[in-house]
Amino acid sequence: MADKDHYNHSMKGFHHGYLGLLILYIGFVMIWFADHWFCPVLTGTAGLFIFIDDFYQHIKGRSHPDYKSPLHRLYGLVYCRVKWLRRLNAFVDSIFGK
């Protein structure tokens, strides 16, 4: 069953900025393996956007503790509705400690 407060998901210690850096790195590596430029640029741009979103959330959060970034809010909405995402979240929490 989904949490009633869809912002109440933890993944403590695993900020989406790390995921953004990983996706950015994958986009960079794809430059050597892709037959065209579109996929590496799209992947890298998505990773950079995710990283910047997390960075801004932490900067803004210092002065506004209740601030939630656009991707954080989107994740919260999807988290409520997608069972496999809640399971993945619980698995990552078990690795990083909840």
PDB file of N, CA and C in Angstrom:
ATOM      1  N   MET A   1       0.849  -1.196   0.000  1.00  0.00           N
ATOM      2  CA  MET A   1       0.000   0.000   0.000  1.00  0.00           C
ATOM      3  C   MET A   1       0.883   1.245   0.000  1.00  0.00           C
ATOM      4  N   ALA A   2       0.517   2.236  -0.741  1.00  0.00           N
ATOM      5  CA  ALA A   2       1.309   3.457  -0.873  1.00  0.00           C
ATOM      6  C   ALA A   2       1.200   4.312   0.384  1.00  0.00           C
ATOM      7  N   ASP A   3       2.264   5.053   0.658  1.00  0.00           N
ATOM      8  CA  ASP A   3       2.227   6.007   1.763  1.00  0.00           C
ATOM      9  C   ASP A   3       1.212   7.090   1.453  1.00  0.00           C
ATOM     10  N   LYS A   4       0.476   7.518   2.486  1.00  0.00           N
ATOM     11  CA  LYS A   4      -0.482   8.594   2.278  1.00  0.00           C
ATOM     12  C   LYS A   4       0.240   9.905   2.022  1.00  0.00           C
ATOM     13  N   ASP A   5       1.367  10.106   2.698  1.00  0.00           N
ATOM     14  CA  ASP A   5       2.176  11.293   2.440  1.00  0.00           C
ATOM     15  C   ASP A   5       3.191  10.932   1.375  1.00  0.00           C
ATOM     16  N   HIS A   6       2.909  11.310   0.117  1.00  0.00           N
ATOM     17  CA  HIS A   6       3.760  10.863  -0.973  1.00  0.00           C
ATOM     18  C   HIS A   6       5.129  11.518  -0.977  1.00  0.00           C
ATOM     19  N   TYR A   7       5.405  12.442  -0.053  1.00  0.00           N
ATOM     20  CA  TYR A   7       6.758  12.977   0.068  1.00  0.00           C
ATOM     21  C   TYR A   7       7.543  12.219   1.122  1.00  0.00           C
ATOM     22  N   ASN A   8       6.924  11.250   1.749  1.00  0.00           N
ATOM     23  CA  ASN A   8       7.557  10.520   2.840  1.00  0.00           C
ATOM     24  C   ASN A   8       8.226   9.254   2.312  1.00  0.00           C
ATOM     25  N   HIS A   9       9.224   9.413   1.492  1.00  0.00           N
ATOM     26  CA  HIS A   9      10.048   8.311   1.045  1.00  0.00           C
ATOM     27  C   HIS A   9      11.473   8.676   1.404  1.00  0.00           C
ATOM     28  N   SER A  10      12.294   7.699   1.726  1.00  0.00           N
ATOM     29  CA  SER A  10      13.567   8.075   2.305  1.00  0.00           C
ATOM     30  C   SER A  10      14.755   7.925   1.369  1.00  0.00           C
ATOM     31  N   MET A  11      15.178   6.721   1.078  1.00  0.00           N
ATOM     32  CA  MET A  11      16.425   6.495   0.362  1.00  0.00           C
ATOM     33  C   MET A  11      17.526   7.320   1.024  1.00  0.00           C
ATOM     34  N   LYS A  12      17.582   7.247   2.359  1.00  0.00           N
ATOM     35  CA  LYS A  12      18.526   8.061   3.116  1.00  0.00           C
ATOM     36  C   LYS A  12      19.940   7.825   2.628  1.00  0.00           C
ATOM     37  N   GLY A  13      20.635   8.889   2.402  1.00  0.00           N
ATOM     38  CA  GLY A  13      22.009   8.809   1.956  1.00  0.00           C
ATOM     39  C   GLY A  13      22.152   8.652   0.453  1.00  0.00           C
ATOM     40  N   PHE A  14      21.056   8.422  -0.251  1.00  0.00           N
ATOM     41  CA  PHE A  14      21.128   8.252  -1.697  1.00  0.00           C
ATOM     42  C   PHE A  14      20.382   9.402  -2.353  1.00  0.00           C
ATOM     43  N   HIS A  15      21.089  10.473  -2.595  1.00  0.00           N
ATOM     44  CA  HIS A  15      20.476  11.637  -3.220  1.00  0.00           C
ATOM     45  C   HIS A  15      20.374  11.409  -4.720  1.00  0.00           C
ATOM     46  N   HIS A  16      19.362  12.024  -5.327  1.00  0.00           N
ATOM     47  CA  HIS A  16      19.209  11.823  -6.759  1.00  0.00           C
ATOM     48  C   HIS A  16      20.322  12.511  -7.545  1.00  0.00           C
ATOM     49  N   GLY A  17      21.112  13.338  -6.891  1.00  0.00           N
ATOM     50  CA  GLY A  17      22.281  13.923  -7.542  1.00  0.00           C
ATOM     51  C   GLY A  17      23.296  12.867  -7.936  1.00  0.00           C
ATOM     52  N   TYR A  18      23.444  11.846  -7.093  1.00  0.00           N
ATOM     53  CA  TYR A  18      24.366  10.746  -7.426  1.00  0.00           C
ATOM     54  C   TYR A  18      23.878  10.011  -8.673  1.00  0.00           C
ATOM     55  N   LEU A  19      22.588   9.794  -8.731  1.00  0.00           N
ATOM     56  CA  LEU A  19      22.008   9.141  -9.900  1.00  0.00           C
ATOM     57  C   LEU A  19      22.219  10.009 -11.142  1.00  0.00           C
ATOM     58  N   GLY A  20      22.057  11.314 -10.994  1.00  0.00           N
ATOM     59  CA  GLY A  20      22.280  12.228 -12.106  1.00  0.00           C
ATOM     60  C   GLY A  20      23.711  12.179 -12.614  1.00  0.00           C
ATOM     61  N   LEU A  21      24.679  12.126 -11.684  1.00  0.00           N
ATOM     62  CA  LEU A  21      26.081  12.020 -12.092  1.00  0.00           C
ATOM     63  C   LEU A  21      26.342  10.710 -12.827  1.00  0.00           C
ATOM     64  N   LEU A  22      25.730   9.639 -12.355  1.00  0.00           N
ATOM     65  CA  LEU A  22      25.896   8.346 -13.016  1.00  0.00           C
ATOM     66  C   LEU A  22      25.329   8.395 -14.440  1.00  0.00           C
ATOM     67  N   ILE A  23      24.154   8.974 -14.595  1.00  0.00           N
ATOM     68  CA  ILE A  23      23.537   9.073 -15.920  1.00  0.00           C
ATOM     69  C   ILE A  23      24.368   9.991 -16.824  1.00  0.00           C
ATOM     70  N   LEU A  24      24.893  11.079 -16.268  1.00  0.00           N
ATOM     71  CA  LEU A  24      25.769  11.970 -17.039  1.00  0.00           C
ATOM     72  C   LEU A  24      27.009  11.221 -17.514  1.00  0.00           C
ATOM     73  N   TYR A  25      27.593  10.421 -16.639  1.00  0.00           N
ATOM     74  CA  TYR A  25      28.772   9.625 -16.992  1.00  0.00           C
ATOM     75  C   TYR A  25      28.427   8.611 -18.097  1.00  0.00           C
ATOM     76  N   ILE A  26      27.282   7.969 -17.975  1.00  0.00           N
ATOM     77  CA  ILE A  26      26.862   7.007 -19.008  1.00  0.00           C
ATOM     78  C   ILE A  26      26.714   7.717 -20.346  1.00  0.00           C
ATOM     79  N   GLY A  27      26.141   8.913 -20.342  1.00  0.00           N
ATOM     80  CA  GLY A  27      26.018   9.687 -21.577  1.00  0.00           C
ATOM     81  C   GLY A  27      27.379  10.019 -22.162  1.00  0.00           C
ATOM     82  N   PHE A  28      28.327  10.349 -21.297  1.00  0.00           N
ATOM     83  CA  PHE A  28      29.688  10.655 -21.757  1.00  0.00           C
ATOM     84  C   PHE A  28      30.345   9.426 -22.370  1.00  0.00           C
ATOM     85  N   VAL A  29      30.195   8.272 -21.735  1.00  0.00           N
ATOM     86  CA  VAL A  29      30.776   7.026 -22.248  1.00  0.00           C
ATOM     87  C   VAL A  29      30.108   6.624 -23.562  1.00  0.00           C
ATOM     88  N   MET A  30      28.833   6.915 -23.693  1.00  0.00           N
ATOM     89  CA  MET A  30      28.100   6.547 -24.911  1.00  0.00           C
ATOM     90  C   MET A  30      28.647   7.242 -26.155  1.00  0.00           C
ATOM     91  N   ILE A  31      29.353   8.350 -25.963  1.00  0.00           N
ATOM     92  CA  ILE A  31      29.905   9.076 -27.112  1.00  0.00           C
ATOM     93  C   ILE A  31      30.764   8.148 -27.972  1.00  0.00           C
ATOM     94  N   TRP A  32      31.523   7.270 -27.328  1.00  0.00           N
ATOM     95  CA  TRP A  32      32.419   6.377 -28.064  1.00  0.00           C
ATOM     96  C   TRP A  32      31.704   5.181 -28.675  1.00  0.00           C
ATOM     97  N   PHE A  33      30.526   4.843 -28.169  1.00  0.00           N
ATOM     98  CA  PHE A  33      29.849   3.627 -28.620  1.00  0.00           C
ATOM     99  C   PHE A  33      28.605   3.881 -29.472  1.00  0.00           C
ATOM    100  N   ALA A  34      28.071   5.073 -29.418  1.00  0.00           N
ATOM    101  CA  ALA A  34      26.839   5.365 -30.161  1.00  0.00           C
ATOM    102  C   ALA A  34      27.155   5.670 -31.620  1.00  0.00           C
ATOM    103  N   ASP A  35      26.242   5.292 -32.507  1.00  0.00           N
ATOM    104  CA  ASP A  35      26.401   5.562 -33.931  1.00  0.00           C
ATOM    105  C   ASP A  35      26.015   6.997 -34.298  1.00  0.00           C
ATOM    106  N   HIS A  36      25.310   7.659 -33.394  1.00  0.00           N
ATOM    107  CA  HIS A  36      24.881   9.026 -33.643  1.00  0.00           C
ATOM    108  C   HIS A  36      25.020   9.825 -32.355  1.00  0.00           C
ATOM    109  N   TRP A  37      24.869  11.094 -32.421  1.00  0.00           N
ATOM    110  CA  TRP A  37      25.094  11.975 -31.283  1.00  0.00           C
ATOM    111  C   TRP A  37      23.874  12.135 -30.389  1.00  0.00           C
ATOM    112  N   PHE A  38      22.678  11.795 -30.872  1.00  0.00           N
ATOM    113  CA  PHE A  38      21.441  12.113 -30.159  1.00  0.00           C
ATOM    114  C   PHE A  38      21.351  11.436 -28.787  1.00  0.00           C
ATOM    115  N   CYS A  39      21.580  10.130 -28.727  1.00  0.00           N
ATOM    116  CA  CYS A  39      21.437   9.403 -27.448  1.00  0.00           C
ATOM    117  C   CYS A  39      22.433   9.879 -26.382  1.00  0.00           C
ATOM    118  N   PRO A  40      23.726  10.017 -26.706  1.00  0.00           N
ATOM    119  CA  PRO A  40      24.645  10.510 -25.676  1.00  0.00           C
ATOM    120  C   PRO A  40      24.291  11.912 -25.179  1.00  0.00           C
ATOM    121  N   VAL A  41      23.894  12.782 -26.092  1.00  0.00           N
ATOM    122  CA  VAL A  41      23.553  14.146 -25.688  1.00  0.00           C
ATOM    123  C   VAL A  41      22.282  14.147 -24.834  1.00  0.00           C
ATOM    124  N   LEU A  42      21.272  13.391 -25.238  1.00  0.00           N
ATOM    125  CA  LEU A  42      20.030  13.308 -24.471  1.00  0.00           C
ATOM    126  C   LEU A  42      20.288  12.709 -23.088  1.00  0.00           C
ATOM    127  N   THR A  43      21.050  11.633 -23.035  1.00  0.00           N
ATOM    128  CA  THR A  43      21.357  10.983 -21.758  1.00  0.00           C
ATOM    129  C   THR A  43      22.165  11.905 -20.861  1.00  0.00           C
ATOM    130  N   GLY A  44      23.190  12.511 -21.412  1.00  0.00           N
ATOM    131  CA  GLY A  44      24.018  13.423 -20.626  1.00  0.00           C
ATOM    132  C   GLY A  44      23.246  14.623 -20.122  1.00  0.00           C
ATOM    133  N   THR A  45      22.381  15.172 -20.958  1.00  0.00           N
ATOM    134  CA  THR A  45      21.565  16.320 -20.556  1.00  0.00           C
ATOM    135  C   THR A  45      20.596  15.930 -19.436  1.00  0.00           C
ATOM    136  N   ALA A  46      19.999  14.761 -19.541  1.00  0.00           N
ATOM    137  CA  ALA A  46      19.091  14.296 -18.480  1.00  0.00           C
ATOM    138  C   ALA A  46      19.854  14.134 -17.168  1.00  0.00           C
ATOM    139  N   GLY A  47      21.044  13.542 -17.237  1.00  0.00           N
ATOM    140  CA  GLY A  47      21.862  13.373 -16.029  1.00  0.00           C
ATOM    141  C   GLY A  47      22.248  14.700 -15.414  1.00  0.00           C
ATOM    142  N   LEU A  48      22.629  15.650 -16.255  1.00  0.00           N
ATOM    143  CA  LEU A  48      22.998  16.976 -15.761  1.00  0.00           C
ATOM    144  C   LEU A  48      21.794  17.660 -15.118  1.00  0.00           C
ATOM    145  N   PHE A  49      20.619  17.555 -15.739  1.00  0.00           N
ATOM    146  CA  PHE A  49      19.410  18.153 -15.177  1.00  0.00           C
ATOM    147  C   PHE A  49      19.078  17.547 -13.809  1.00  0.00           C
ATOM    148  N   ILE A  50      19.185  16.227 -13.693  1.00  0.00           N
ATOM    149  CA  ILE A  50      18.894  15.561 -12.418  1.00  0.00           C
ATOM    150  C   ILE A  50      19.882  16.015 -11.349  1.00  0.00           C
ATOM    151  N   PHE A  51      21.159  16.106 -11.713  1.00  0.00           N
ATOM    152  CA  PHE A  51      22.174  16.548 -10.758  1.00  0.00           C
ATOM    153  C   PHE A  51      21.913  17.985 -10.303  1.00  0.00           C
ATOM    154  N   ILE A  52      21.623  18.876 -11.245  1.00  0.00           N
ATOM    155  CA  ILE A  52      21.370  20.281 -10.899  1.00  0.00           C
ATOM    156  C   ILE A  52      20.130  20.407 -10.027  1.00  0.00           C
ATOM    157  N   ASP A  53      19.098  19.607 -10.302  1.00  0.00           N
ATOM    158  CA  ASP A  53      17.881  19.623  -9.494  1.00  0.00           C
ATOM    159  C   ASP A  53      18.194  19.273  -8.041  1.00  0.00           C
ATOM    160  N   ASP A  54      18.997  18.238  -7.826  1.00  0.00           N
ATOM    161  CA  ASP A  54      19.357  17.840  -6.462  1.00  0.00           C
ATOM    162  C   ASP A  54      20.228  18.910  -5.796  1.00  0.00           C
ATOM    163  N   PHE A  55      21.183  19.430  -6.530  1.00  0.00           N
ATOM    164  CA  PHE A  55      22.072  20.471  -5.991  1.00  0.00           C
ATOM    165  C   PHE A  55      21.257  21.674  -5.549  1.00  0.00           C
ATOM    166  N   TYR A  56      20.337  22.131  -6.404  1.00  0.00           N
ATOM    167  CA  TYR A  56      19.508  23.285  -6.071  1.00  0.00           C
ATOM    168  C   TYR A  56      18.605  22.993  -4.876  1.00  0.00           C
ATOM    169  N   GLN A  57      18.077  21.777  -4.811  1.00  0.00           N
ATOM    170  CA  GLN A  57      17.218  21.417  -3.678  1.00  0.00           C
ATOM    171  C   GLN A  57      17.982  21.539  -2.367  1.00  0.00           C
ATOM    172  N   HIS A  58      19.241  21.113  -2.348  1.00  0.00           N
ATOM    173  CA  HIS A  58      20.029  21.192  -1.118  1.00  0.00           C
ATOM    174  C   HIS A  58      20.410  22.636  -0.789  1.00  0.00           C
ATOM    175  N   ILE A  59      20.728  23.443  -1.778  1.00  0.00           N
ATOM    176  CA  ILE A  59      21.049  24.852  -1.538  1.00  0.00           C
ATOM    177  C   ILE A  59      19.812  25.592  -1.033  1.00  0.00           C
ATOM    178  N   LYS A  60      18.704  25.421  -1.724  1.00  0.00           N
ATOM    179  CA  LYS A  60      17.457  26.085  -1.336  1.00  0.00           C
ATOM    180  C   LYS A  60      16.963  25.581   0.027  1.00  0.00           C
ATOM    181  N   GLY A  61      17.201  24.300   0.303  1.00  0.00           N
ATOM    182  CA  GLY A  61      16.757  23.698   1.549  1.00  0.00           C
ATOM    183  C   GLY A  61      17.428  24.266   2.791  1.00  0.00           C
ATOM    184  N   ARG A  62      18.565  24.886   2.626  1.00  0.00           N
ATOM    185  CA  ARG A  62      19.232  25.507   3.781  1.00  0.00           C
ATOM    186  C   ARG A  62      18.411  26.668   4.339  1.00  0.00           C
ATOM    187  N   SER A  63      17.808  27.445   3.448  1.00  0.00           N
ATOM    188  CA  SER A  63      17.018  28.588   3.906  1.00  0.00           C
ATOM    189  C   SER A  63      15.518  28.289   3.954  1.00  0.00           C
ATOM    190  N   HIS A  64      15.084  27.268   3.226  1.00  0.00           N
ATOM    191  CA  HIS A  64      13.673  26.860   3.196  1.00  0.00           C
ATOM    192  C   HIS A  64      13.605  25.346   3.389  1.00  0.00           C
ATOM    193  N   PRO A  65      13.622  24.874   4.634  1.00  0.00           N
ATOM    194  CA  PRO A  65      13.696  23.422   4.891  1.00  0.00           C
ATOM    195  C   PRO A  65      12.565  22.597   4.280  1.00  0.00           C
ATOM    196  N   ASP A  66      11.425  23.189   4.018  1.00  0.00           N
ATOM    197  CA  ASP A  66      10.300  22.445   3.458  1.00  0.00           C
ATOM    198  C   ASP A  66      10.303  22.408   1.937  1.00  0.00           C
ATOM    199  N   TYR A  67      11.294  23.025   1.294  1.00  0.00           N
ATOM    200  CA  TYR A  67      11.341  23.076  -0.166  1.00  0.00           C
ATOM    201  C   TYR A  67      11.558  21.683  -0.749  1.00  0.00           C
ATOM    202  N   LYS A  68      10.781  21.361  -1.761  1.00  0.00           N
ATOM    203  CA  LYS A  68      10.929  20.112  -2.513  1.00  0.00           C
ATOM    204  C   LYS A  68      11.138  20.485  -3.975  1.00  0.00           C
ATOM    205  N   SER A  69      12.177  19.967  -4.587  1.00  0.00           N
ATOM    206  CA  SER A  69      12.478  20.278  -5.984  1.00  0.00           C
ATOM    207  C   SER A  69      11.403  19.690  -6.898  1.00  0.00           C
ATOM    208  N   PRO A  70      11.348  20.162  -8.140  1.00  0.00           N
ATOM    209  CA  PRO A  70      10.353  19.620  -9.077  1.00  0.00           C
ATOM    210  C   PRO A  70      10.484  18.106  -9.263  1.00  0.00           C
ATOM    211  N   LEU A  71      11.703  17.601  -9.376  1.00  0.00           N
ATOM    212  CA  LEU A  71      11.862  16.148  -9.542  1.00  0.00           C
ATOM    213  C   LEU A  71      11.499  15.393  -8.269  1.00  0.00           C
ATOM    214  N   HIS A  72      11.763  15.993  -7.115  1.00  0.00           N
ATOM    215  CA  HIS A  72      11.381  15.355  -5.850  1.00  0.00           C
ATOM    216  C   HIS A  72       9.858  15.225  -5.765  1.00  0.00           C
ATOM    217  N   ARG A  73       9.156  16.270  -6.162  1.00  0.00           N
ATOM    218  CA  ARG A  73       7.686  16.223  -6.148  1.00  0.00           C
ATOM    219  C   ARG A  73       7.155  15.211  -7.155  1.00  0.00           C
ATOM    220  N   LEU A  74       7.762  15.182  -8.343  1.00  0.00           N
ATOM    221  CA  LEU A  74       7.349  14.211  -9.360  1.00  0.00           C
ATOM    222  C   LEU A  74       7.590  12.790  -8.861  1.00  0.00           C
ATOM    223  N   TYR A  75       8.743  12.550  -8.265  1.00  0.00           N
ATOM    224  CA  TYR A  75       9.051  11.228  -7.716  1.00  0.00           C
ATOM    225  C   TYR A  75       8.032  10.853  -6.650  1.00  0.00           C
ATOM    226  N   GLY A  76       7.653  11.815  -5.821  1.00  0.00           N
ATOM    227  CA  GLY A  76       6.661  11.544  -4.790  1.00  0.00           C
ATOM    228  C   GLY A  76       5.319  11.121  -5.368  1.00  0.00           C
ATOM    229  N   LEU A  77       4.915  11.768  -6.446  1.00  0.00           N
ATOM    230  CA  LEU A  77       3.645  11.401  -7.085  1.00  0.00           C
ATOM    231  C   LEU A  77       3.721  10.013  -7.722  1.00  0.00           C
ATOM    232  N   VAL A  78       4.829   9.726  -8.387  1.00  0.00           N
ATOM    233  CA  VAL A  78       5.000   8.415  -9.034  1.00  0.00           C
ATOM    234  C   VAL A  78       5.159   7.324  -7.976  1.00  0.00           C
ATOM    235  N   TYR A  79       5.868   7.638  -6.907  1.00  0.00           N
ATOM    236  CA  TYR A  79       6.116   6.689  -5.821  1.00  0.00           C
ATOM    237  C   TYR A  79       4.814   6.128  -5.255  1.00  0.00           C
ATOM    238  N   CYS A  80       3.815   6.973  -5.127  1.00  0.00           N
ATOM    239  CA  CYS A  80       2.519   6.531  -4.590  1.00  0.00           C
ATOM    240  C   CYS A  80       1.827   5.527  -5.493  1.00  0.00           C
ATOM    241  N   ARG A  81       2.050   5.642  -6.777  1.00  0.00           N
ATOM    242  CA  ARG A  81       1.262   4.881  -7.746  1.00  0.00           C
ATOM    243  C   ARG A  81       1.958   3.658  -8.328  1.00  0.00           C
ATOM    244  N   VAL A  82       3.273   3.539  -8.126  1.00  0.00           N
ATOM    245  CA  VAL A  82       4.027   2.472  -8.793  1.00  0.00           C
ATOM    246  C   VAL A  82       4.632   1.528  -7.740  1.00  0.00           C
ATOM    247  N   LYS A  83       4.084   0.330  -7.702  1.00  0.00           N
ATOM    248  CA  LYS A  83       4.471  -0.627  -6.671  1.00  0.00           C
ATOM    249  C   LYS A  83       5.943  -1.035  -6.773  1.00  0.00           C
ATOM    250  N   TRP A  84       6.436  -1.283  -8.003  1.00  0.00           N
ATOM    251  CA  TRP A  84       7.827  -1.724  -8.137  1.00  0.00           C
ATOM    252  C   TRP A  84       8.799  -0.632  -7.704  1.00  0.00           C
ATOM    253  N   LEU A  85       8.396   0.642  -7.833  1.00  0.00           N
ATOM    254  CA  LEU A  85       9.255   1.741  -7.390  1.00  0.00           C
ATOM    255  C   LEU A  85       9.346   1.767  -5.867  1.00  0.00           C
ATOM    256  N   ARG A  86       8.240   1.486  -5.182  1.00  0.00           N
ATOM    257  CA  ARG A  86       8.270   1.411  -3.721  1.00  0.00           C
ATOM    258  C   ARG A  86       9.157   0.257  -3.266  1.00  0.00           C
ATOM    259  N   ARG A  87       9.096  -0.861  -3.991  1.00  0.00           N
ATOM    260  CA  ARG A  87       9.957  -2.001  -3.649  1.00  0.00           C
ATOM    261  C   ARG A  87      11.429  -1.669  -3.874  1.00  0.00           C
ATOM    262  N   LEU A  88      11.717  -1.005  -4.993  1.00  0.00           N
ATOM    263  CA  LEU A  88      13.086  -0.586  -5.276  1.00  0.00           C
ATOM    264  C   LEU A  88      13.572   0.385  -4.203  1.00  0.00           C
ATOM    265  N   ASN A  89      12.713   1.292  -3.797  1.00  0.00           N
ATOM    266  CA  ASN A  89      13.046   2.252  -2.753  1.00  0.00           C
ATOM    267  C   ASN A  89      13.366   1.539  -1.442  1.00  0.00           C
ATOM    268  N   ALA A  90      12.565   0.542  -1.090  1.00  0.00           N
ATOM    269  CA  ALA A  90      12.814  -0.226   0.138  1.00  0.00           C
ATOM    270  C   ALA A  90      14.141  -0.982   0.049  1.00  0.00           C
ATOM    271  N   PHE A  91      14.452  -1.529  -1.131  1.00  0.00           N
ATOM    272  CA  PHE A  91      15.710  -2.239  -1.326  1.00  0.00           C
ATOM    273  C   PHE A  91      16.906  -1.296  -1.155  1.00  0.00           C
ATOM    274  N   VAL A  92      16.825  -0.115  -1.781  1.00  0.00           N
ATOM    275  CA  VAL A  92      17.928   0.849  -1.666  1.00  0.00           C
ATOM    276  C   VAL A  92      18.061   1.324  -0.216  1.00  0.00           C
ATOM    277  N   ASP A  93      16.933   1.532   0.474  1.00  0.00           N
ATOM    278  CA  ASP A  93      16.981   1.896   1.900  1.00  0.00           C
ATOM    279  C   ASP A  93      17.681   0.816   2.713  1.00  0.00           C
ATOM    280  N   SER A  94      17.449  -0.451   2.366  1.00  0.00           N
ATOM    281  CA  SER A  94      18.089  -1.520   3.130  1.00  0.00           C
ATOM    282  C   SER A  94      19.597  -1.526   2.919  1.00  0.00           C
ATOM    283  N   ILE A  95      20.050  -1.067   1.763  1.00  0.00           N
ATOM    284  CA  ILE A  95      21.489  -1.001   1.487  1.00  0.00           C
ATOM    285  C   ILE A  95      22.115   0.199   2.211  1.00  0.00           C
ATOM    286  N   PHE A  96      21.496   1.357   2.107  1.00  0.00           N
ATOM    287  CA  PHE A  96      22.066   2.581   2.661  1.00  0.00           C
ATOM    288  C   PHE A  96      21.654   2.832   4.106  1.00  0.00           C
ATOM    289  N   GLY A  97      20.801   1.998   4.650  1.00  0.00           N
ATOM    290  CA  GLY A  97      20.366   2.132   6.035  1.00  0.00           C
ATOM    291  C   GLY A  97      19.207   3.085   6.172  1.00  0.00           C
ATOM    292  N   LYS A  98      18.139   2.582   6.715  1.00  0.00           N
ATOM    293  CA  LYS A  98      16.937   3.411   6.883  1.00  0.00           C
ATOM    294  C   LYS A  98      16.811   3.826   8.315  1.00  0.00           C
TER     295      LYS A  98
END
